[in-house]
Amino acid sequence: MKDILETIILNLVDNKEAVEIKEVNNEKLTTFEVRVANEDMGKIIGKQGRLAKSIRTVMKSVAGREQKKVTVEFIG
């Protein structure tokens, strides 16, 4: 799942070296903490958060196939 998220994020940002994705596993939930450069944060969030919501939806869909729950947090 992390590979899919990484592919999506790297195709959206300009500063690919600043991308950092941390995976935090709990018993029932996996959380991905995505850090990007400040100038790329707007590209990840999108207008009114639509792009961020879409990324979360894709990740929930992928996790659903594996019977897991996932959240994605964007940290600036």
PDB file of N, CA and C in Angstrom:
ATOM      1  N   MET A   1       0.823  -1.198   0.000  1.00  0.00           N
ATOM      2  CA  MET A   1       0.000   0.000   0.000  1.00  0.00           C
ATOM      3  C   MET A   1       0.864   1.257   0.000  1.00  0.00           C
ATOM      4  N   LYS A   2       1.972   1.186   0.721  1.00  0.00           N
ATOM      5  CA  LYS A   2       2.848   2.350   0.790  1.00  0.00           C
ATOM      6  C   LYS A   2       3.394   2.702  -0.597  1.00  0.00           C
ATOM      7  N   ASP A   3       3.643   1.684  -1.418  1.00  0.00           N
ATOM      8  CA  ASP A   3       4.165   1.916  -2.761  1.00  0.00           C
ATOM      9  C   ASP A   3       3.177   2.702  -3.619  1.00  0.00           C
ATOM     10  N   ILE A   4       1.909   2.370  -3.495  1.00  0.00           N
ATOM     11  CA  ILE A   4       0.881   3.070  -4.270  1.00  0.00           C
ATOM     12  C   ILE A   4       0.798   4.525  -3.846  1.00  0.00           C
ATOM     13  N   LEU A   5       0.792   4.773  -2.528  1.00  0.00           N
ATOM     14  CA  LEU A   5       0.739   6.139  -2.025  1.00  0.00           C
ATOM     15  C   LEU A   5       1.963   6.934  -2.459  1.00  0.00           C
ATOM     16  N   GLU A   6       3.120   6.305  -2.387  1.00  0.00           N
ATOM     17  CA  GLU A   6       4.365   6.966  -2.785  1.00  0.00           C
ATOM     18  C   GLU A   6       4.340   7.341  -4.267  1.00  0.00           C
ATOM     19  N   THR A   7       3.827   6.468  -5.103  1.00  0.00           N
ATOM     20  CA  THR A   7       3.727   6.750  -6.539  1.00  0.00           C
ATOM     21  C   THR A   7       2.821   7.951  -6.792  1.00  0.00           C
ATOM     22  N   ILE A   8       1.693   7.994  -6.109  1.00  0.00           N
ATOM     23  CA  ILE A   8       0.752   9.109  -6.286  1.00  0.00           C
ATOM     24  C   ILE A   8       1.403  10.417  -5.861  1.00  0.00           C
ATOM     25  N   ILE A   9       2.006  10.435  -4.682  1.00  0.00           N
ATOM     26  CA  ILE A   9       2.591  11.666  -4.138  1.00  0.00           C
ATOM     27  C   ILE A   9       3.754  12.144  -5.000  1.00  0.00           C
ATOM     28  N   LEU A  10       4.640  11.244  -5.400  1.00  0.00           N
ATOM     29  CA  LEU A  10       5.812  11.648  -6.181  1.00  0.00           C
ATOM     30  C   LEU A  10       5.436  12.232  -7.540  1.00  0.00           C
ATOM     31  N   ASN A  11       4.301  11.808  -8.094  1.00  0.00           N
ATOM     32  CA  ASN A  11       3.868  12.360  -9.373  1.00  0.00           C
ATOM     33  C   ASN A  11       3.201  13.722  -9.235  1.00  0.00           C
ATOM     34  N   LEU A  12       2.895  14.137  -8.028  1.00  0.00           N
ATOM     35  CA  LEU A  12       2.237  15.425  -7.816  1.00  0.00           C
ATOM     36  C   LEU A  12       3.205  16.544  -7.433  1.00  0.00           C
ATOM     37  N   VAL A  13       4.307  16.222  -6.787  1.00  0.00           N
ATOM     38  CA  VAL A  13       5.194  17.246  -6.233  1.00  0.00           C
ATOM     39  C   VAL A  13       6.352  17.566  -7.175  1.00  0.00           C
ATOM     40  N   ASP A  14       6.946  18.746  -6.948  1.00  0.00           N
ATOM     41  CA  ASP A  14       8.138  19.151  -7.698  1.00  0.00           C
ATOM     42  C   ASP A  14       9.414  18.711  -6.981  1.00  0.00           C
ATOM     43  N   ASN A  15       9.431  18.858  -5.653  1.00  0.00           N
ATOM     44  CA  ASN A  15      10.604  18.528  -4.853  1.00  0.00           C
ATOM     45  C   ASN A  15      10.472  17.089  -4.329  1.00  0.00           C
ATOM     46  N   LYS A  16      10.880  16.135  -5.142  1.00  0.00           N
ATOM     47  CA  LYS A  16      10.709  14.722  -4.816  1.00  0.00           C
ATOM     48  C   LYS A  16      11.606  14.269  -3.662  1.00  0.00           C
ATOM     49  N   GLU A  17      12.718  14.966  -3.440  1.00  0.00           N
ATOM     50  CA  GLU A  17      13.630  14.587  -2.364  1.00  0.00           C
ATOM     51  C   GLU A  17      13.042  14.876  -0.988  1.00  0.00           C
ATOM     52  N   ALA A  18      12.114  15.821  -0.907  1.00  0.00           N
ATOM     53  CA  ALA A  18      11.543  16.210   0.383  1.00  0.00           C
ATOM     54  C   ALA A  18      10.384  15.320   0.814  1.00  0.00           C
ATOM     55  N   VAL A  19       9.967  14.395  -0.036  1.00  0.00           N
ATOM     56  CA  VAL A  19       8.833  13.533   0.286  1.00  0.00           C
ATOM     57  C   VAL A  19       9.260  12.467   1.292  1.00  0.00           C
ATOM     58  N   GLU A  20       8.483  12.364   2.363  1.00  0.00           N
ATOM     59  CA  GLU A  20       8.750  11.362   3.389  1.00  0.00           C
ATOM     60  C   GLU A  20       7.415  10.753   3.810  1.00  0.00           C
ATOM     61  N   ILE A  21       7.310   9.446   3.714  1.00  0.00           N
ATOM     62  CA  ILE A  21       6.081   8.754   4.079  1.00  0.00           C
ATOM     63  C   ILE A  21       6.403   7.781   5.204  1.00  0.00           C
ATOM     64  N   LYS A  22       5.740   7.988   6.333  1.00  0.00           N
ATOM     65  CA  LYS A  22       5.960   7.144   7.508  1.00  0.00           C
ATOM     66  C   LYS A  22       4.714   6.297   7.733  1.00  0.00           C
ATOM     67  N   GLU A  23       4.914   5.017   7.920  1.00  0.00           N
ATOM     68  CA  GLU A  23       3.805   4.088   8.143  1.00  0.00           C
ATOM     69  C   GLU A  23       3.741   3.725   9.624  1.00  0.00           C
ATOM     70  N   VAL A  24       2.595   4.001  10.249  1.00  0.00           N
ATOM     71  CA  VAL A  24       2.393   3.690  11.659  1.00  0.00           C
ATOM     72  C   VAL A  24       1.295   2.639  11.760  1.00  0.00           C
ATOM     73  N   ASN A  25       1.640   1.461  12.258  1.00  0.00           N
ATOM     74  CA  ASN A  25       0.685   0.359  12.361  1.00  0.00           C
ATOM     75  C   ASN A  25       0.164   0.229  13.780  1.00  0.00           C
ATOM     76  N   ASN A  26      -1.149   0.171  13.915  1.00  0.00           N
ATOM     77  CA  ASN A  26      -1.808  -0.165  15.168  1.00  0.00           C
ATOM     78  C   ASN A  26      -2.474  -1.512  14.973  1.00  0.00           C
ATOM     79  N   GLU A  27      -3.236  -1.965  15.953  1.00  0.00           N
ATOM     80  CA  GLU A  27      -3.893  -3.257  15.837  1.00  0.00           C
ATOM     81  C   GLU A  27      -4.878  -3.299  14.678  1.00  0.00           C
ATOM     82  N   LYS A  28      -5.713  -2.273  14.570  1.00  0.00           N
ATOM     83  CA  LYS A  28      -6.778  -2.286  13.576  1.00  0.00           C
ATOM     84  C   LYS A  28      -6.587  -1.260  12.472  1.00  0.00           C
ATOM     85  N   LEU A  29      -5.642  -0.358  12.624  1.00  0.00           N
ATOM     86  CA  LEU A  29      -5.543   0.783  11.718  1.00  0.00           C
ATOM     87  C   LEU A  29      -4.101   1.033  11.306  1.00  0.00           C
ATOM     88  N   THR A  30      -3.907   1.342  10.038  1.00  0.00           N
ATOM     89  CA  THR A  30      -2.603   1.764   9.532  1.00  0.00           C
ATOM     90  C   THR A  30      -2.700   3.233   9.155  1.00  0.00           C
ATOM     91  N   THR A  31      -1.792   4.044   9.666  1.00  0.00           N
ATOM     92  CA  THR A  31      -1.774   5.469   9.369  1.00  0.00           C
ATOM     93  C   THR A  31      -0.522   5.800   8.575  1.00  0.00           C
ATOM     94  N   PHE A  32      -0.707   6.499   7.469  1.00  0.00           N
ATOM     95  CA  PHE A  32       0.417   6.979   6.678  1.00  0.00           C
ATOM     96  C   PHE A  32       0.558   8.477   6.926  1.00  0.00           C
ATOM     97  N   GLU A  33       1.722   8.894   7.409  1.00  0.00           N
ATOM     98  CA  GLU A  33       2.018  10.307   7.623  1.00  0.00           C
ATOM     99  C   GLU A  33       2.879  10.783   6.460  1.00  0.00           C
ATOM    100  N   VAL A  34       2.334  11.690   5.670  1.00  0.00           N
ATOM    101  CA  VAL A  34       3.002  12.170   4.463  1.00  0.00           C
ATOM    102  C   VAL A  34       3.561  13.564   4.731  1.00  0.00           C
ATOM    103  N   ARG A  35       4.857  13.715   4.545  1.00  0.00           N
ATOM    104  CA  ARG A  35       5.509  15.020   4.684  1.00  0.00           C
ATOM    105  C   ARG A  35       6.070  15.411   3.317  1.00  0.00           C
ATOM    106  N   VAL A  36       5.778  16.631   2.916  1.00  0.00           N
ATOM    107  CA  VAL A  36       6.318  17.173   1.674  1.00  0.00           C
ATOM    108  C   VAL A  36       6.851  18.564   1.953  1.00  0.00           C
ATOM    109  N   ALA A  37       7.556  19.130   0.996  1.00  0.00           N
ATOM    110  CA  ALA A  37       8.056  20.496   1.131  1.00  0.00           C
ATOM    111  C   ALA A  37       6.875  21.453   1.227  1.00  0.00           C
ATOM    112  N   ASN A  38       7.081  22.563   1.920  1.00  0.00           N
ATOM    113  CA  ASN A  38       5.995  23.537   2.115  1.00  0.00           C
ATOM    114  C   ASN A  38       5.420  24.043   0.803  1.00  0.00           C
ATOM    115  N   GLU A  39       6.268  24.233  -0.197  1.00  0.00           N
ATOM    116  CA  GLU A  39       5.772  24.749  -1.476  1.00  0.00           C
ATOM    117  C   GLU A  39       4.942  23.714  -2.241  1.00  0.00           C
ATOM    118  N   ASP A  40       5.072  22.438  -1.894  1.00  0.00           N
ATOM    119  CA  ASP A  40       4.296  21.381  -2.551  1.00  0.00           C
ATOM    120  C   ASP A  40       3.019  21.019  -1.797  1.00  0.00           C
ATOM    121  N   MET A  41       2.833  21.541  -0.609  1.00  0.00           N
ATOM    122  CA  MET A  41       1.675  21.169   0.206  1.00  0.00           C
ATOM    123  C   MET A  41       0.362  21.519  -0.494  1.00  0.00           C
ATOM    124  N   GLY A  42       0.305  22.642  -1.161  1.00  0.00           N
ATOM    125  CA  GLY A  42      -0.906  23.033  -1.879  1.00  0.00           C
ATOM    126  C   GLY A  42      -1.242  22.087  -3.017  1.00  0.00           C
ATOM    127  N   LYS A  43      -0.227  21.536  -3.647  1.00  0.00           N
ATOM    128  CA  LYS A  43      -0.450  20.587  -4.744  1.00  0.00           C
ATOM    129  C   LYS A  43      -1.026  19.274  -4.224  1.00  0.00           C
ATOM    130  N   ILE A  44      -0.653  18.900  -3.024  1.00  0.00           N
ATOM    131  CA  ILE A  44      -1.139  17.654  -2.436  1.00  0.00           C
ATOM    132  C   ILE A  44      -2.576  17.820  -1.928  1.00  0.00           C
ATOM    133  N   ILE A  45      -2.865  18.957  -1.330  1.00  0.00           N
ATOM    134  CA  ILE A  45      -4.192  19.175  -0.747  1.00  0.00           C
ATOM    135  C   ILE A  45      -5.216  19.513  -1.823  1.00  0.00           C
ATOM    136  N   GLY A  46      -4.840  20.332  -2.782  1.00  0.00           N
ATOM    137  CA  GLY A  46      -5.764  20.698  -3.848  1.00  0.00           C
ATOM    138  C   GLY A  46      -6.758  21.761  -3.403  1.00  0.00           C
ATOM    139  N   LYS A  47      -7.591  22.178  -4.324  1.00  0.00           N
ATOM    140  CA  LYS A  47      -8.598  23.193  -4.012  1.00  0.00           C
ATOM    141  C   LYS A  47      -9.643  22.617  -3.068  1.00  0.00           C
ATOM    142  N   GLN A  48      -9.831  23.289  -1.952  1.00  0.00           N
ATOM    143  CA  GLN A  48     -10.797  22.901  -0.915  1.00  0.00           C
ATOM    144  C   GLN A  48     -10.589  21.471  -0.438  1.00  0.00           C
ATOM    145  N   GLY A  49      -9.368  20.958  -0.539  1.00  0.00           N
ATOM    146  CA  GLY A  49      -9.042  19.635  -0.040  1.00  0.00           C
ATOM    147  C   GLY A  49      -9.527  18.485  -0.901  1.00  0.00           C
ATOM    148  N   ARG A  50      -9.917  18.777  -2.120  1.00  0.00           N
ATOM    149  CA  ARG A  50     -10.471  17.730  -2.983  1.00  0.00           C
ATOM    150  C   ARG A  50      -9.440  16.664  -3.341  1.00  0.00           C
ATOM    151  N   LEU A  51      -8.223  17.087  -3.654  1.00  0.00           N
ATOM    152  CA  LEU A  51      -7.189  16.121  -4.035  1.00  0.00           C
ATOM    153  C   LEU A  51      -6.795  15.244  -2.849  1.00  0.00           C
ATOM    154  N   ALA A  52      -6.679  15.843  -1.669  1.00  0.00           N
ATOM    155  CA  ALA A  52      -6.363  15.069  -0.466  1.00  0.00           C
ATOM    156  C   ALA A  52      -7.461  14.044  -0.190  1.00  0.00           C
ATOM    157  N   LYS A  53      -8.699  14.449  -0.355  1.00  0.00           N
ATOM    158  CA  LYS A  53      -9.824  13.539  -0.148  1.00  0.00           C
ATOM    159  C   LYS A  53      -9.784  12.392  -1.160  1.00  0.00           C
ATOM    160  N   SER A  54      -9.427  12.703  -2.390  1.00  0.00           N
ATOM    161  CA  SER A  54      -9.330  11.673  -3.428  1.00  0.00           C
ATOM    162  C   SER A  54      -8.216  10.674  -3.123  1.00  0.00           C
ATOM    163  N   ILE A  55      -7.089  11.175  -2.640  1.00  0.00           N
ATOM    164  CA  ILE A  55      -5.976  10.290  -2.278  1.00  0.00           C
ATOM    165  C   ILE A  55      -6.402   9.360  -1.149  1.00  0.00           C
ATOM    166  N   ARG A  56      -7.098   9.913  -0.158  1.00  0.00           N
ATOM    167  CA  ARG A  56      -7.584   9.083   0.951  1.00  0.00           C
ATOM    168  C   ARG A  56      -8.570   8.022   0.464  1.00  0.00           C
ATOM    169  N   THR A  57      -9.430   8.395  -0.479  1.00  0.00           N
ATOM    170  CA  THR A  57     -10.415   7.451  -1.016  1.00  0.00           C
ATOM    171  C   THR A  57      -9.733   6.303  -1.743  1.00  0.00           C
ATOM    172  N   VAL A  58      -8.731   6.610  -2.545  1.00  0.00           N
ATOM    173  CA  VAL A  58      -7.987   5.560  -3.261  1.00  0.00           C
ATOM    174  C   VAL A  58      -7.312   4.628  -2.272  1.00  0.00           C
ATOM    175  N   MET A  59      -6.702   5.186  -1.241  1.00  0.00           N
ATOM    176  CA  MET A  59      -6.005   4.360  -0.262  1.00  0.00           C
ATOM    177  C   MET A  59      -6.977   3.486   0.537  1.00  0.00           C
ATOM    178  N   LYS A  60      -8.150   4.015   0.854  1.00  0.00           N
ATOM    179  CA  LYS A  60      -9.151   3.204   1.556  1.00  0.00           C
ATOM    180  C   LYS A  60      -9.640   2.067   0.672  1.00  0.00           C
ATOM    181  N   SER A  61      -9.742   2.321  -0.615  1.00  0.00           N
ATOM    182  CA  SER A  61     -10.159   1.291  -1.554  1.00  0.00           C
ATOM    183  C   SER A  61      -9.118   0.169  -1.628  1.00  0.00           C
ATOM    184  N   VAL A  62      -7.863   0.538  -1.705  1.00  0.00           N
ATOM    185  CA  VAL A  62      -6.776  -0.450  -1.755  1.00  0.00           C
ATOM    186  C   VAL A  62      -6.739  -1.251  -0.450  1.00  0.00           C
ATOM    187  N   ALA A  63      -6.897  -0.569   0.666  1.00  0.00           N
ATOM    188  CA  ALA A  63      -6.865  -1.241   1.966  1.00  0.00           C
ATOM    189  C   ALA A  63      -8.061  -2.170   2.135  1.00  0.00           C
ATOM    190  N   GLY A  64      -9.189  -1.803   1.569  1.00  0.00           N
ATOM    191  CA  GLY A  64     -10.386  -2.622   1.670  1.00  0.00           C
ATOM    192  C   GLY A  64     -10.205  -3.987   1.032  1.00  0.00           C
ATOM    193  N   ARG A  65      -9.437  -4.036  -0.043  1.00  0.00           N
ATOM    194  CA  ARG A  65      -9.156  -5.326  -0.690  1.00  0.00           C
ATOM    195  C   ARG A  65      -8.365  -6.251   0.218  1.00  0.00           C
ATOM    196  N   GLU A  66      -7.570  -5.663   1.095  1.00  0.00           N
ATOM    197  CA  GLU A  66      -6.738  -6.444   2.008  1.00  0.00           C
ATOM    198  C   GLU A  66      -7.369  -6.575   3.394  1.00  0.00           C
ATOM    199  N   GLN A  67      -8.633  -6.198   3.529  1.00  0.00           N
ATOM    200  CA  GLN A  67      -9.368  -6.217   4.787  1.00  0.00           C
ATOM    201  C   GLN A  67      -8.632  -5.455   5.892  1.00  0.00           C
ATOM    202  N   LYS A  68      -8.163  -4.271   5.557  1.00  0.00           N
ATOM    203  CA  LYS A  68      -7.479  -3.407   6.513  1.00  0.00           C
ATOM    204  C   LYS A  68      -8.134  -2.032   6.496  1.00  0.00           C
ATOM    205  N   LYS A  69      -7.852  -1.239   7.520  1.00  0.00           N
ATOM    206  CA  LYS A  69      -8.314   0.139   7.563  1.00  0.00           C
ATOM    207  C   LYS A  69      -7.087   1.041   7.518  1.00  0.00           C
ATOM    208  N   VAL A  70      -7.218   2.137   6.805  1.00  0.00           N
ATOM    209  CA  VAL A  70      -6.077   3.019   6.600  1.00  0.00           C
ATOM    210  C   VAL A  70      -6.528   4.469   6.654  1.00  0.00           C
ATOM    211  N   THR A  71      -5.651   5.327   7.162  1.00  0.00           N
ATOM    212  CA  THR A  71      -5.855   6.768   7.092  1.00  0.00           C
ATOM    213  C   THR A  71      -4.578   7.392   6.549  1.00  0.00           C
ATOM    214  N   VAL A  72      -4.742   8.562   5.933  1.00  0.00           N
ATOM    215  CA  VAL A  72      -3.601   9.293   5.389  1.00  0.00           C
ATOM    216  C   VAL A  72      -3.629  10.687   5.997  1.00  0.00           C
ATOM    217  N   GLU A  73      -2.524  11.090   6.619  1.00  0.00           N
ATOM    218  CA  GLU A  73      -2.395  12.425   7.208  1.00  0.00           C
ATOM    219  C   GLU A  73      -1.310  13.181   6.450  1.00  0.00           C
ATOM    220  N   PHE A  74      -1.628  14.420   6.114  1.00  0.00           N
ATOM    221  CA  PHE A  74      -0.665  15.271   5.410  1.00  0.00           C
ATOM    222  C   PHE A  74      -0.099  16.260   6.412  1.00  0.00           C
ATOM    223  N   ILE A  75       1.212  16.190   6.630  1.00  0.00           N
ATOM    224  CA  ILE A  75       1.880  17.008   7.630  1.00  0.00           C
ATOM    225  C   ILE A  75       2.797  18.005   6.938  1.00  0.00           C
ATOM    226  N   GLY A  76       2.626  19.268   7.253  1.00  0.00           N
ATOM    227  CA  GLY A  76       3.403  20.319   6.613  1.00  0.00           C
ATOM    228  C   GLY A  76       4.653  20.700   7.317  1.00  0.00           C
TER     229      GLY A  76
END
